[in-house]
C-alpha atoms as a PDB file:
ATOM      1  CA  UNK A   1     100.582 121.486  70.312  1.00  0.00           C
ATOM      2  CA  UNK A   2     104.155 119.274  70.220  1.00  0.00           C
ATOM      3  CA  UNK A   3     106.115 121.650  72.531  1.00  0.00           C
ATOM      4  CA  UNK A   4     103.331 121.052  74.808  1.00  0.00           C
ATOM      5  CA  UNK A   5     103.467 117.480  74.998  1.00  0.00           C
ATOM      6  CA  UNK A   6     106.895 117.545  75.093  1.00  0.00           C
ATOM      7  CA  UNK A   7     106.650 119.334  78.073  1.00  0.00           C
ATOM      8  CA  UNK A   8     104.099 117.343  79.708  1.00  0.00           C
ATOM      9  CA  UNK A   9     106.341 114.181  79.075  1.00  0.00           C
ATOM     10  CA  UNK A  10     109.565 115.917  80.659  1.00  0.00           C
ATOM     11  CA  UNK A  11     107.516 117.154  83.565  1.00  0.00           C
ATOM     12  CA  UNK A  12     106.255 113.766  84.632  1.00  0.00           C
ATOM     13  CA  UNK A  13     109.960 112.161  83.783  1.00  0.00           C
ATOM     14  CA  UNK A  14     111.260 114.394  86.479  1.00  0.00           C
ATOM     15  CA  UNK A  15     108.681 114.356  89.105  1.00  0.00           C
ATOM     16  CA  UNK A  16     108.700 110.672  89.300  1.00  0.00           C
ATOM     17  CA  UNK A  17     112.299 110.179  90.316  1.00  0.00           C
ATOM     18  CA  UNK A  18     113.965 111.944  92.882  1.00  0.00           C
ATOM     19  CA  UNK A  19     117.459 113.076  92.965  1.00  0.00           C
ATOM     20  CA  UNK A  20     118.621 111.104  95.500  1.00  0.00           C
ATOM     21  CA  UNK A  21     120.544 107.522  95.234  1.00  0.00           C
ATOM     22  CA  UNK A  22     119.659 104.681  97.163  1.00  0.00           C
ATOM     23  CA  UNK A  23     122.492 102.328  95.444  1.00  0.00           C
ATOM     24  CA  UNK A  24     124.058  99.651  97.315  1.00  0.00           C
ATOM     25  CA  UNK A  25     122.694 100.147 100.753  1.00  0.00           C
ATOM     26  CA  UNK A  26     122.269  97.204 102.789  1.00  0.00           C
ATOM     27  CA  UNK A  27     123.563  98.411 106.620  1.00  0.00           C
ATOM     28  CA  UNK A  28     121.670 100.854 108.905  1.00  0.00           C
ATOM     29  CA  UNK A  29     121.878 101.986 111.982  1.00  0.00           C
ATOM     30  CA  UNK A  30     118.719 103.452 113.487  1.00  0.00           C
ATOM     31  CA  UNK A  31     117.945 107.346 115.204  1.00  0.00           C
ATOM     32  CA  UNK A  32     115.291 108.602 116.234  1.00  0.00           C
ATOM     33  CA  UNK A  33     114.586 112.466 117.277  1.00  0.00           C
ATOM     34  CA  UNK A  34     111.233 114.080 118.908  1.00  0.00           C
ATOM     35  CA  UNK A  35     110.677 117.214 120.177  1.00  0.00           C
ATOM     36  CA  UNK A  36     106.802 116.594 121.461  1.00  0.00           C
ATOM     37  CA  UNK A  37     105.359 116.259 125.029  1.00  0.00           C
ATOM     38  CA  UNK A  38     103.182 113.139 123.670  1.00  0.00           C
ATOM     39  CA  UNK A  39     104.942 110.230 122.764  1.00  0.00           C
ATOM     40  CA  UNK A  40     106.472 108.778 126.097  1.00  0.00           C
ATOM     41  CA  UNK A  41     109.669 106.405 125.637  1.00  0.00           C
ATOM     42  CA  UNK A  42     107.263 103.458 124.996  1.00  0.00           C
ATOM     43  CA  UNK A  43     105.575 104.964 122.071  1.00  0.00           C
ATOM     44  CA  UNK A  44     108.780 105.963 121.074  1.00  0.00           C
ATOM     45  CA  UNK A  45     110.361 102.631 121.260  1.00  0.00           C
ATOM     46  CA  UNK A  46     107.223 101.045 119.698  1.00  0.00           C
ATOM     47  CA  UNK A  47     107.957 103.480 116.594  1.00  0.00           C
ATOM     48  CA  UNK A  48     111.542 102.685 116.411  1.00  0.00           C
ATOM     49  CA  UNK A  49     110.807  98.895 116.316  1.00  0.00           C
ATOM     50  CA  UNK A  50     107.680  99.349 113.706  1.00  0.00           C
ATOM     51  CA  UNK A  51     110.095 100.859 111.639  1.00  0.00           C
ATOM     52  CA  UNK A  52     113.005  98.583 111.838  1.00  0.00           C
ATOM     53  CA  UNK A  53     111.087  95.903 111.218  1.00  0.00           C
ATOM     54  CA  UNK A  54     109.425  97.303 107.797  1.00  0.00           C
ATOM     55  CA  UNK A  55     112.971  97.855 107.071  1.00  0.00           C
ATOM     56  CA  UNK A  56     114.217  93.839 107.682  1.00  0.00           C
ATOM     57  CA  UNK A  57     111.427  92.643 105.702  1.00  0.00           C
ATOM     58  CA  UNK A  58     112.623  94.958 103.042  1.00  0.00           C
ATOM     59  CA  UNK A  59     116.271  93.310 103.166  1.00  0.00           C
ATOM     60  CA  UNK A  60     118.445  95.787 105.221  1.00  0.00           C
ATOM     61  CA  UNK A  61     120.912  94.495 107.648  1.00  0.00           C
ATOM     62  CA  UNK A  62     121.214  96.590 110.944  1.00  0.00           C
ATOM     63  CA  UNK A  63     124.289  97.854 113.114  1.00  0.00           C
ATOM     64  CA  UNK A  64     126.728  95.865 111.017  1.00  0.00           C
ATOM     65  CA  UNK A  65     129.703  97.563 109.865  1.00  0.00           C
ATOM     66  CA  UNK A  66     129.961 100.971 107.713  1.00  0.00           C
ATOM     67  CA  UNK A  67     126.182 101.684 108.568  1.00  0.00           C
ATOM     68  CA  UNK A  68     124.524 104.246 107.364  1.00  0.00           C
ATOM     69  CA  UNK A  69     122.292 105.548 109.954  1.00  0.00           C
ATOM     70  CA  UNK A  70     118.509 105.627 108.985  1.00  0.00           C
ATOM     71  CA  UNK A  71     116.852 108.865 110.986  1.00  0.00           C
ATOM     72  CA  UNK A  72     113.114 109.717 111.720  1.00  0.00           C
ATOM     73  CA  UNK A  73     112.594 112.980 113.270  1.00  0.00           C
ATOM     74  CA  UNK A  74     109.532 114.178 114.391  1.00  0.00           C
ATOM     75  CA  UNK A  75     108.530 117.573 115.627  1.00  0.00           C
ATOM     76  CA  UNK A  76     104.492 118.765 116.772  1.00  0.00           C
ATOM     77  CA  UNK A  77     103.393 121.791 117.437  1.00  0.00           C
ATOM     78  CA  UNK A  78      99.845 122.576 119.457  1.00  0.00           C
ATOM     79  CA  UNK A  79      97.349 124.724 117.649  1.00  0.00           C
ATOM     80  CA  UNK A  80      94.068 125.466 119.663  1.00  0.00           C
ATOM     81  CA  UNK A  81      92.962 121.311 119.845  1.00  0.00           C
ATOM     82  CA  UNK A  82      95.165 120.283 117.229  1.00  0.00           C
ATOM     83  CA  UNK A  83      98.523 119.117 116.550  1.00  0.00           C
ATOM     84  CA  UNK A  84     100.662 120.078 113.984  1.00  0.00           C
ATOM     85  CA  UNK A  85     103.077 117.370 113.589  1.00  0.00           C
ATOM     86  CA  UNK A  86     105.897 117.143 110.904  1.00  0.00           C
ATOM     87  CA  UNK A  87     107.307 113.763 110.427  1.00  0.00           C
ATOM     88  CA  UNK A  88     110.777 113.137 108.667  1.00  0.00           C
ATOM     89  CA  UNK A  89     112.863 110.013 107.205  1.00  0.00           C
ATOM     90  CA  UNK A  90     116.184 110.348 105.737  1.00  0.00           C
ATOM     91  CA  UNK A  91     119.525 108.494 105.290  1.00  0.00           C
ATOM     92  CA  UNK A  92     123.005 109.849 106.699  1.00  0.00           C
ATOM     93  CA  UNK A  93     126.065 108.681 106.070  1.00  0.00           C
ATOM     94  CA  UNK A  94     129.623 110.168 105.184  1.00  0.00           C
ATOM     95  CA  UNK A  95     130.704 110.591 101.717  1.00  0.00           C
ATOM     96  CA  UNK A  96     133.616 112.527  99.677  1.00  0.00           C
ATOM     97  CA  UNK A  97     133.302 115.321  98.545  1.00  0.00           C
ATOM     98  CA  UNK A  98     134.672 116.131  94.993  1.00  0.00           C
ATOM     99  CA  UNK A  99     136.550 119.289  96.974  1.00  0.00           C
ATOM    100  CA  UNK A 100     140.019 119.223  96.370  1.00  0.00           C
ATOM    101  CA  UNK A 101     141.837 117.360  99.058  1.00  0.00           C
ATOM    102  CA  UNK A 102     139.334 114.012  99.453  1.00  0.00           C
ATOM    103  CA  UNK A 103     137.239 115.876 101.604  1.00  0.00           C
ATOM    104  CA  UNK A 104     134.378 113.381 104.010  1.00  0.00           C
ATOM    105  CA  UNK A 105     131.381 114.861 104.934  1.00  0.00           C
ATOM    106  CA  UNK A 106     128.259 113.336 106.800  1.00  0.00           C
ATOM    107  CA  UNK A 107     125.691 114.096 104.207  1.00  0.00           C
ATOM    108  CA  UNK A 108     121.853 112.863 104.136  1.00  0.00           C
ATOM    109  CA  UNK A 109     121.713 110.929 101.315  1.00  0.00           C
ATOM    110  CA  UNK A 110     117.595 110.364 101.334  1.00  0.00           C
ATOM    111  CA  UNK A 111     115.213 112.793 102.663  1.00  0.00           C
ATOM    112  CA  UNK A 112     111.291 112.814 102.963  1.00  0.00           C
ATOM    113  CA  UNK A 113     108.730 114.427 104.888  1.00  0.00           C
ATOM    114  CA  UNK A 114     105.125 114.755 105.530  1.00  0.00           C
ATOM    115  CA  UNK A 115     103.278 117.782 107.295  1.00  0.00           C
ATOM    116  CA  UNK A 116      99.904 116.870 108.867  1.00  0.00           C
ATOM    117  CA  UNK A 117      97.230 117.986 111.270  1.00  0.00           C
ATOM    118  CA  UNK A 118      96.018 115.889 113.721  1.00  0.00           C
ATOM    119  CA  UNK A 119      93.372 115.081 116.067  1.00  0.00           C
ATOM    120  CA  UNK A 120      94.450 112.122 116.867  1.00  0.00           C
ATOM    121  CA  UNK A 121      98.714 112.041 117.153  1.00  0.00           C
ATOM    122  CA  UNK A 122     100.292 108.709 117.862  1.00  0.00           C
ATOM    123  CA  UNK A 123      97.675 106.901 115.029  1.00  0.00           C
ATOM    124  CA  UNK A 124      98.328 109.900 112.298  1.00  0.00           C
ATOM    125  CA  UNK A 125     102.407 109.721 112.883  1.00  0.00           C
ATOM    126  CA  UNK A 126     102.300 106.039 112.122  1.00  0.00           C
ATOM    127  CA  UNK A 127     100.086 106.475 109.313  1.00  0.00           C
ATOM    128  CA  UNK A 128     102.744 109.057 108.053  1.00  0.00           C
ATOM    129  CA  UNK A 129     105.291 107.102 108.873  1.00  0.00           C
ATOM    130  CA  UNK A 130     104.057 103.954 106.655  1.00  0.00           C
ATOM    131  CA  UNK A 131     103.581 106.462 103.939  1.00  0.00           C
ATOM    132  CA  UNK A 132     107.288 107.937 103.724  1.00  0.00           C
ATOM    133  CA  UNK A 133     108.646 104.697 104.335  1.00  0.00           C
ATOM    134  CA  UNK A 134     106.559 102.750 101.631  1.00  0.00           C
ATOM    135  CA  UNK A 135     108.011 105.459  99.374  1.00  0.00           C
ATOM    136  CA  UNK A 136     111.784 105.136 100.501  1.00  0.00           C
ATOM    137  CA  UNK A 137     111.232 101.186 100.709  1.00  0.00           C
ATOM    138  CA  UNK A 138     110.049 101.647  97.021  1.00  0.00           C
ATOM    139  CA  UNK A 139     112.723 104.113  95.944  1.00  0.00           C
ATOM    140  CA  UNK A 140     115.156 101.180  97.096  1.00  0.00           C
ATOM    141  CA  UNK A 141     113.849  98.939  95.270  1.00  0.00           C
ATOM    142  CA  UNK A 142     113.705 100.678  92.502  1.00  0.00           C
ATOM    143  CA  UNK A 143     117.383 101.963  92.841  1.00  0.00           C
ATOM    144  CA  UNK A 144     118.587  98.341  93.380  1.00  0.00           C
ATOM    145  CA  UNK A 145     117.006  96.188  90.462  1.00  0.00           C
END
């Protein structure tokens, strides 16, 4: 019984945190990519603006020196009368690896995604993005306490 309780405690603590770190990220630049046929330029601009406002309210600054890239990726596949939509957010930045010779590389230092079945794609994308960004902002706050 003790082993079982110990197993539950360890498992729950592992599932509570991600292996990403968001320490000291303040400056961002926005990047969005989509491969959908139902999002026009206006809706794409709206999604970017919604995300940017949410990040500004969380204390981020845009287009400053040494900015990390906040990425939004939206893909969709039509299956009969329904859309399968994949939404992903991430932070990409230049990092120095531990390899010999101080190798610098572009890496994703945060990634989160959501896969949804949708009858109302635009509305569901906004809901998914809200969910993912809530997780991101909460993780950011925890890492920077």
